[in-house]
């Protein structure tokens, strides 16, 4: 599967039959009144949670606005909620993203809602938190004229909290940076302080 974008035919009926078969093989009472539609709902939920596989989230950055000043400081949106699905267990991980960028001098800027849509679009696919952060900063750096981009993700992973170690409340934190946030300790510290 292409890590950036997967397109193609989806077979919901086949997925439903496989989900039902999996549940049956595990001994679930698939014909009981309460579970009769569970396999279909499972397929619908997974399709909804991974809808970002069928889109290019970076497209949200194509709509820009003229800058208000020739030189601008950091632009940031914090506490963007996201839901993703761990590609290792197909269990959800949920959290928040802090996203920032510094426009290049005279460069156009993007609407704040577009940064939230970018995060949510990349999150809506089988994912790793580390990859998610890298995809977000790469899209900003590649699609906007910037001096730098940064993303901090904090998430609780069901594969850690509900099974295995069962470490309820534990969160994973990742920080991804490009450009000025990578090379300028002061800019990086400003971002980390903002997103703390």
C-alpha atoms as a PDB file:
ATOM      1  CA  UNK A   1       0.000   0.000   0.000  1.00  0.00           C
ATOM      2  CA  UNK A   2       1.282   3.462  -0.894  1.00  0.00           C
ATOM      3  CA  UNK A   3       2.044   5.172   2.425  1.00  0.00           C
ATOM      4  CA  UNK A   4       0.872   8.584   1.174  1.00  0.00           C
ATOM      5  CA  UNK A   5      -2.350   7.833  -0.658  1.00  0.00           C
ATOM      6  CA  UNK A   6      -4.267   4.712  -1.641  1.00  0.00           C
ATOM      7  CA  UNK A   7      -7.039   4.800  -4.155  1.00  0.00           C
ATOM      8  CA  UNK A   8      -9.015   2.069  -5.794  1.00  0.00           C
ATOM      9  CA  UNK A   9     -12.034  -0.152  -5.510  1.00  0.00           C
ATOM     10  CA  UNK A  10     -13.529  -0.870  -2.123  1.00  0.00           C
ATOM     11  CA  UNK A  11     -15.557  -4.026  -1.668  1.00  0.00           C
ATOM     12  CA  UNK A  12     -17.876  -3.392   1.293  1.00  0.00           C
ATOM     13  CA  UNK A  13     -19.834  -6.619   0.862  1.00  0.00           C
ATOM     14  CA  UNK A  14     -16.625  -8.659   0.829  1.00  0.00           C
ATOM     15  CA  UNK A  15     -15.308  -6.758   3.839  1.00  0.00           C
ATOM     16  CA  UNK A  16     -18.533  -7.426   5.728  1.00  0.00           C
ATOM     17  CA  UNK A  17     -18.320 -11.178   4.973  1.00  0.00           C
ATOM     18  CA  UNK A  18     -14.680 -11.289   6.113  1.00  0.00           C
ATOM     19  CA  UNK A  19     -15.451  -9.339   9.301  1.00  0.00           C
ATOM     20  CA  UNK A  20     -18.329 -11.672  10.057  1.00  0.00           C
ATOM     21  CA  UNK A  21     -16.071 -14.684   9.387  1.00  0.00           C
ATOM     22  CA  UNK A  22     -13.391 -13.308  11.704  1.00  0.00           C
ATOM     23  CA  UNK A  23     -15.899 -12.725  14.478  1.00  0.00           C
ATOM     24  CA  UNK A  24     -17.403 -16.192  13.978  1.00  0.00           C
ATOM     25  CA  UNK A  25     -13.939 -17.821  14.039  1.00  0.00           C
ATOM     26  CA  UNK A  26     -13.265 -16.087  17.375  1.00  0.00           C
ATOM     27  CA  UNK A  27     -16.485 -17.487  18.835  1.00  0.00           C
ATOM     28  CA  UNK A  28     -18.577 -14.312  18.802  1.00  0.00           C
ATOM     29  CA  UNK A  29     -22.338 -14.994  18.695  1.00  0.00           C
ATOM     30  CA  UNK A  30     -22.692 -13.355  15.252  1.00  0.00           C
ATOM     31  CA  UNK A  31     -26.369 -14.341  14.872  1.00  0.00           C
ATOM     32  CA  UNK A  32     -27.531 -13.062  18.253  1.00  0.00           C
ATOM     33  CA  UNK A  33     -29.921 -10.083  18.150  1.00  0.00           C
ATOM     34  CA  UNK A  34     -27.321  -7.720  19.596  1.00  0.00           C
ATOM     35  CA  UNK A  35     -24.524  -8.723  17.200  1.00  0.00           C
ATOM     36  CA  UNK A  36     -26.423  -9.428  13.991  1.00  0.00           C
ATOM     37  CA  UNK A  37     -25.297  -6.112  12.444  1.00  0.00           C
ATOM     38  CA  UNK A  38     -21.974  -5.745  14.222  1.00  0.00           C
ATOM     39  CA  UNK A  39     -19.774  -6.940  11.347  1.00  0.00           C
ATOM     40  CA  UNK A  40     -21.373  -4.388   9.015  1.00  0.00           C
ATOM     41  CA  UNK A  41     -20.983  -1.613  11.600  1.00  0.00           C
ATOM     42  CA  UNK A  42     -17.341  -2.597  12.133  1.00  0.00           C
ATOM     43  CA  UNK A  43     -16.662  -2.264   8.397  1.00  0.00           C
ATOM     44  CA  UNK A  44     -18.451   1.100   8.273  1.00  0.00           C
ATOM     45  CA  UNK A  45     -16.488   2.370  11.276  1.00  0.00           C
ATOM     46  CA  UNK A  46     -13.134   1.315   9.804  1.00  0.00           C
ATOM     47  CA  UNK A  47     -14.048   2.897   6.478  1.00  0.00           C
ATOM     48  CA  UNK A  48     -14.947   6.162   8.219  1.00  0.00           C
ATOM     49  CA  UNK A  49     -11.826   6.152  10.414  1.00  0.00           C
ATOM     50  CA  UNK A  50      -9.571   5.582   7.375  1.00  0.00           C
ATOM     51  CA  UNK A  51     -11.299   7.877   4.870  1.00  0.00           C
ATOM     52  CA  UNK A  52      -8.075   9.872   4.508  1.00  0.00           C
ATOM     53  CA  UNK A  53      -6.557   7.042   2.450  1.00  0.00           C
ATOM     54  CA  UNK A  54      -8.685   8.224  -0.453  1.00  0.00           C
ATOM     55  CA  UNK A  55      -7.731  11.906  -0.414  1.00  0.00           C
ATOM     56  CA  UNK A  56      -4.720  14.183  -0.516  1.00  0.00           C
ATOM     57  CA  UNK A  57      -4.865  16.173   2.746  1.00  0.00           C
ATOM     58  CA  UNK A  58      -2.252  18.583   1.374  1.00  0.00           C
ATOM     59  CA  UNK A  59      -4.876  19.948  -1.009  1.00  0.00           C
ATOM     60  CA  UNK A  60      -6.238  22.019   1.873  1.00  0.00           C
ATOM     61  CA  UNK A  61      -3.079  24.143   1.702  1.00  0.00           C
ATOM     62  CA  UNK A  62      -3.778  25.276  -1.868  1.00  0.00           C
ATOM     63  CA  UNK A  63      -6.134  28.073  -0.742  1.00  0.00           C
ATOM     64  CA  UNK A  64      -4.017  30.952   0.545  1.00  0.00           C
ATOM     65  CA  UNK A  65      -4.387  34.623   1.423  1.00  0.00           C
ATOM     66  CA  UNK A  66      -2.076  37.576   0.795  1.00  0.00           C
ATOM     67  CA  UNK A  67       0.182  38.364   3.753  1.00  0.00           C
ATOM     68  CA  UNK A  68      -0.683  41.263   6.041  1.00  0.00           C
ATOM     69  CA  UNK A  69       2.994  42.210   6.386  1.00  0.00           C
ATOM     70  CA  UNK A  70       6.185  41.583   4.418  1.00  0.00           C
ATOM     71  CA  UNK A  71       7.705  39.658   7.318  1.00  0.00           C
ATOM     72  CA  UNK A  72       5.584  37.588   9.670  1.00  0.00           C
ATOM     73  CA  UNK A  73       6.341  35.609  12.773  1.00  0.00           C
ATOM     74  CA  UNK A  74       5.211  32.131  13.685  1.00  0.00           C
ATOM     75  CA  UNK A  75       1.625  31.179  12.902  1.00  0.00           C
ATOM     76  CA  UNK A  76       0.306  28.342  15.077  1.00  0.00           C
ATOM     77  CA  UNK A  77      -2.860  26.414  15.823  1.00  0.00           C
ATOM     78  CA  UNK A  78      -2.814  24.399  19.026  1.00  0.00           C
ATOM     79  CA  UNK A  79      -4.929  21.586  20.438  1.00  0.00           C
ATOM     80  CA  UNK A  80      -6.274  20.321  17.105  1.00  0.00           C
ATOM     81  CA  UNK A  81      -8.146  17.108  17.976  1.00  0.00           C
ATOM     82  CA  UNK A  82      -7.531  14.032  15.857  1.00  0.00           C
ATOM     83  CA  UNK A  83      -8.501  10.359  15.738  1.00  0.00           C
ATOM     84  CA  UNK A  84      -6.365   7.809  13.958  1.00  0.00           C
ATOM     85  CA  UNK A  85      -6.034   4.041  13.713  1.00  0.00           C
ATOM     86  CA  UNK A  86      -2.789   2.295  14.630  1.00  0.00           C
ATOM     87  CA  UNK A  87      -1.685   0.269  11.628  1.00  0.00           C
ATOM     88  CA  UNK A  88      -0.245  -2.443  13.885  1.00  0.00           C
ATOM     89  CA  UNK A  89      -3.471  -3.350  15.736  1.00  0.00           C
ATOM     90  CA  UNK A  90      -6.244  -1.379  13.978  1.00  0.00           C
ATOM     91  CA  UNK A  91      -7.059   0.155  17.342  1.00  0.00           C
ATOM     92  CA  UNK A  92      -7.621   3.903  17.675  1.00  0.00           C
ATOM     93  CA  UNK A  93      -5.242   6.482  18.987  1.00  0.00           C
ATOM     94  CA  UNK A  94      -6.609   9.896  19.837  1.00  0.00           C
ATOM     95  CA  UNK A  95      -4.973  13.119  20.732  1.00  0.00           C
ATOM     96  CA  UNK A  96      -4.182  16.680  19.846  1.00  0.00           C
ATOM     97  CA  UNK A  97      -1.804  18.355  17.425  1.00  0.00           C
ATOM     98  CA  UNK A  98      -0.020  21.688  17.722  1.00  0.00           C
ATOM     99  CA  UNK A  99       1.000  22.917  14.274  1.00  0.00           C
ATOM    100  CA  UNK A 100       3.106  25.965  13.427  1.00  0.00           C
ATOM    101  CA  UNK A 101       4.890  27.510  10.494  1.00  0.00           C
ATOM    102  CA  UNK A 102       6.820  30.656   9.689  1.00  0.00           C
ATOM    103  CA  UNK A 103       5.888  32.096   6.293  1.00  0.00           C
ATOM    104  CA  UNK A 104       8.780  33.137   4.075  1.00  0.00           C
ATOM    105  CA  UNK A 105       9.020  36.930   3.679  1.00  0.00           C
ATOM    106  CA  UNK A 106       6.144  38.139   1.489  1.00  0.00           C
ATOM    107  CA  UNK A 107       4.662  34.641   1.164  1.00  0.00           C
ATOM    108  CA  UNK A 108       0.906  34.058   1.295  1.00  0.00           C
ATOM    109  CA  UNK A 109      -0.622  32.452   4.375  1.00  0.00           C
ATOM    110  CA  UNK A 110      -3.146  29.656   4.747  1.00  0.00           C
ATOM    111  CA  UNK A 111      -6.422  29.796   6.671  1.00  0.00           C
ATOM    112  CA  UNK A 112      -6.222  28.309  10.159  1.00  0.00           C
ATOM    113  CA  UNK A 113      -8.982  25.782   9.478  1.00  0.00           C
ATOM    114  CA  UNK A 114      -6.833  24.349   6.685  1.00  0.00           C
ATOM    115  CA  UNK A 115      -4.180  23.330   9.199  1.00  0.00           C
ATOM    116  CA  UNK A 116      -6.822  21.455  11.215  1.00  0.00           C
ATOM    117  CA  UNK A 117      -8.099  19.757   8.038  1.00  0.00           C
ATOM    118  CA  UNK A 118      -4.533  18.794   7.121  1.00  0.00           C
ATOM    119  CA  UNK A 119      -4.002  17.097  10.496  1.00  0.00           C
ATOM    120  CA  UNK A 120      -7.348  15.310  10.400  1.00  0.00           C
ATOM    121  CA  UNK A 121      -6.874  14.182   6.787  1.00  0.00           C
ATOM    122  CA  UNK A 122      -3.507  12.538   7.459  1.00  0.00           C
ATOM    123  CA  UNK A 123      -4.795  11.073  10.722  1.00  0.00           C
ATOM    124  CA  UNK A 124      -7.729   9.392   8.952  1.00  0.00           C
ATOM    125  CA  UNK A 125      -5.779   6.401   7.673  1.00  0.00           C
ATOM    126  CA  UNK A 126      -3.911   3.440   9.146  1.00  0.00           C
ATOM    127  CA  UNK A 127      -1.105   5.368  10.755  1.00  0.00           C
ATOM    128  CA  UNK A 128       1.916   5.589  13.016  1.00  0.00           C
ATOM    129  CA  UNK A 129       2.170   8.707  15.147  1.00  0.00           C
ATOM    130  CA  UNK A 130       5.751   9.244  14.019  1.00  0.00           C
ATOM    131  CA  UNK A 131       4.729   9.174  10.351  1.00  0.00           C
ATOM    132  CA  UNK A 132       1.705  11.394  10.967  1.00  0.00           C
ATOM    133  CA  UNK A 133       3.844  14.218  12.361  1.00  0.00           C
ATOM    134  CA  UNK A 134       6.328  13.928   9.510  1.00  0.00           C
ATOM    135  CA  UNK A 135       3.541  14.007   6.897  1.00  0.00           C
ATOM    136  CA  UNK A 136       2.087  17.163   8.452  1.00  0.00           C
ATOM    137  CA  UNK A 137       5.351  19.150   8.508  1.00  0.00           C
ATOM    138  CA  UNK A 138       6.369  17.888   5.067  1.00  0.00           C
ATOM    139  CA  UNK A 139       3.063  18.964   3.537  1.00  0.00           C
ATOM    140  CA  UNK A 140       3.397  22.444   5.053  1.00  0.00           C
ATOM    141  CA  UNK A 141       7.040  22.780   3.982  1.00  0.00           C
ATOM    142  CA  UNK A 142       6.385  21.425   0.475  1.00  0.00           C
ATOM    143  CA  UNK A 143       3.117  23.245  -0.306  1.00  0.00           C
ATOM    144  CA  UNK A 144       3.598  26.626   1.366  1.00  0.00           C
ATOM    145  CA  UNK A 145       6.458  29.093   1.103  1.00  0.00           C
ATOM    146  CA  UNK A 146       7.861  28.776   4.600  1.00  0.00           C
ATOM    147  CA  UNK A 147      10.995  29.324   6.600  1.00  0.00           C
ATOM    148  CA  UNK A 148      10.015  26.354   8.742  1.00  0.00           C
ATOM    149  CA  UNK A 149       7.243  24.079   9.986  1.00  0.00           C
ATOM    150  CA  UNK A 150       6.658  22.226  13.256  1.00  0.00           C
ATOM    151  CA  UNK A 151       4.193  19.736  14.688  1.00  0.00           C
ATOM    152  CA  UNK A 152       3.806  18.324  18.184  1.00  0.00           C
ATOM    153  CA  UNK A 153       1.442  15.378  18.657  1.00  0.00           C
ATOM    154  CA  UNK A 154       0.183  14.036  21.981  1.00  0.00           C
ATOM    155  CA  UNK A 155      -1.902  10.887  21.790  1.00  0.00           C
ATOM    156  CA  UNK A 156      -3.267   8.038  23.847  1.00  0.00           C
ATOM    157  CA  UNK A 157      -2.945   4.721  22.019  1.00  0.00           C
ATOM    158  CA  UNK A 158      -5.552   2.022  22.699  1.00  0.00           C
ATOM    159  CA  UNK A 159      -2.968  -0.639  21.820  1.00  0.00           C
ATOM    160  CA  UNK A 160      -1.019   0.544  24.895  1.00  0.00           C
ATOM    161  CA  UNK A 161      -3.899   1.383  27.228  1.00  0.00           C
ATOM    162  CA  UNK A 162      -6.432  -1.395  26.515  1.00  0.00           C
ATOM    163  CA  UNK A 163      -4.160  -4.372  25.872  1.00  0.00           C
ATOM    164  CA  UNK A 164      -0.546  -5.408  26.383  1.00  0.00           C
ATOM    165  CA  UNK A 165       0.880  -3.139  29.088  1.00  0.00           C
ATOM    166  CA  UNK A 166      -2.594  -1.701  29.862  1.00  0.00           C
ATOM    167  CA  UNK A 167      -0.977   1.598  30.783  1.00  0.00           C
ATOM    168  CA  UNK A 168      -4.158   3.649  31.127  1.00  0.00           C
ATOM    169  CA  UNK A 169      -3.522   7.364  30.703  1.00  0.00           C
ATOM    170  CA  UNK A 170      -0.073   6.992  29.122  1.00  0.00           C
ATOM    171  CA  UNK A 171       0.464   9.297  26.152  1.00  0.00           C
ATOM    172  CA  UNK A 172       2.993   9.320  23.365  1.00  0.00           C
ATOM    173  CA  UNK A 173       4.489  12.704  22.465  1.00  0.00           C
ATOM    174  CA  UNK A 174       6.330  13.362  19.209  1.00  0.00           C
ATOM    175  CA  UNK A 175       7.801  16.575  17.802  1.00  0.00           C
ATOM    176  CA  UNK A 176       8.625  17.022  14.122  1.00  0.00           C
ATOM    177  CA  UNK A 177      10.407  20.088  12.768  1.00  0.00           C
ATOM    178  CA  UNK A 178      11.745  21.455   9.495  1.00  0.00           C
ATOM    179  CA  UNK A 179      13.620  24.593   8.502  1.00  0.00           C
ATOM    180  CA  UNK A 180      14.036  27.325  11.107  1.00  0.00           C
ATOM    181  CA  UNK A 181      12.549  25.120  13.847  1.00  0.00           C
ATOM    182  CA  UNK A 182      15.332  22.631  13.133  1.00  0.00           C
ATOM    183  CA  UNK A 183      18.218  25.091  12.898  1.00  0.00           C
ATOM    184  CA  UNK A 184      17.261  27.886  15.315  1.00  0.00           C
ATOM    185  CA  UNK A 185      17.151  26.843  18.970  1.00  0.00           C
ATOM    186  CA  UNK A 186      15.185  29.983  19.909  1.00  0.00           C
ATOM    187  CA  UNK A 187      12.453  29.308  17.324  1.00  0.00           C
ATOM    188  CA  UNK A 188      12.202  25.698  18.435  1.00  0.00           C
ATOM    189  CA  UNK A 189      11.997  26.705  22.106  1.00  0.00           C
ATOM    190  CA  UNK A 190       9.260  29.222  21.268  1.00  0.00           C
ATOM    191  CA  UNK A 191       7.247  26.486  19.560  1.00  0.00           C
ATOM    192  CA  UNK A 192       7.767  23.967  22.376  1.00  0.00           C
ATOM    193  CA  UNK A 193       6.760  26.574  24.978  1.00  0.00           C
ATOM    194  CA  UNK A 194       3.685  27.543  22.959  1.00  0.00           C
ATOM    195  CA  UNK A 195       2.561  23.938  22.663  1.00  0.00           C
ATOM    196  CA  UNK A 196       3.251  22.983  26.300  1.00  0.00           C
END
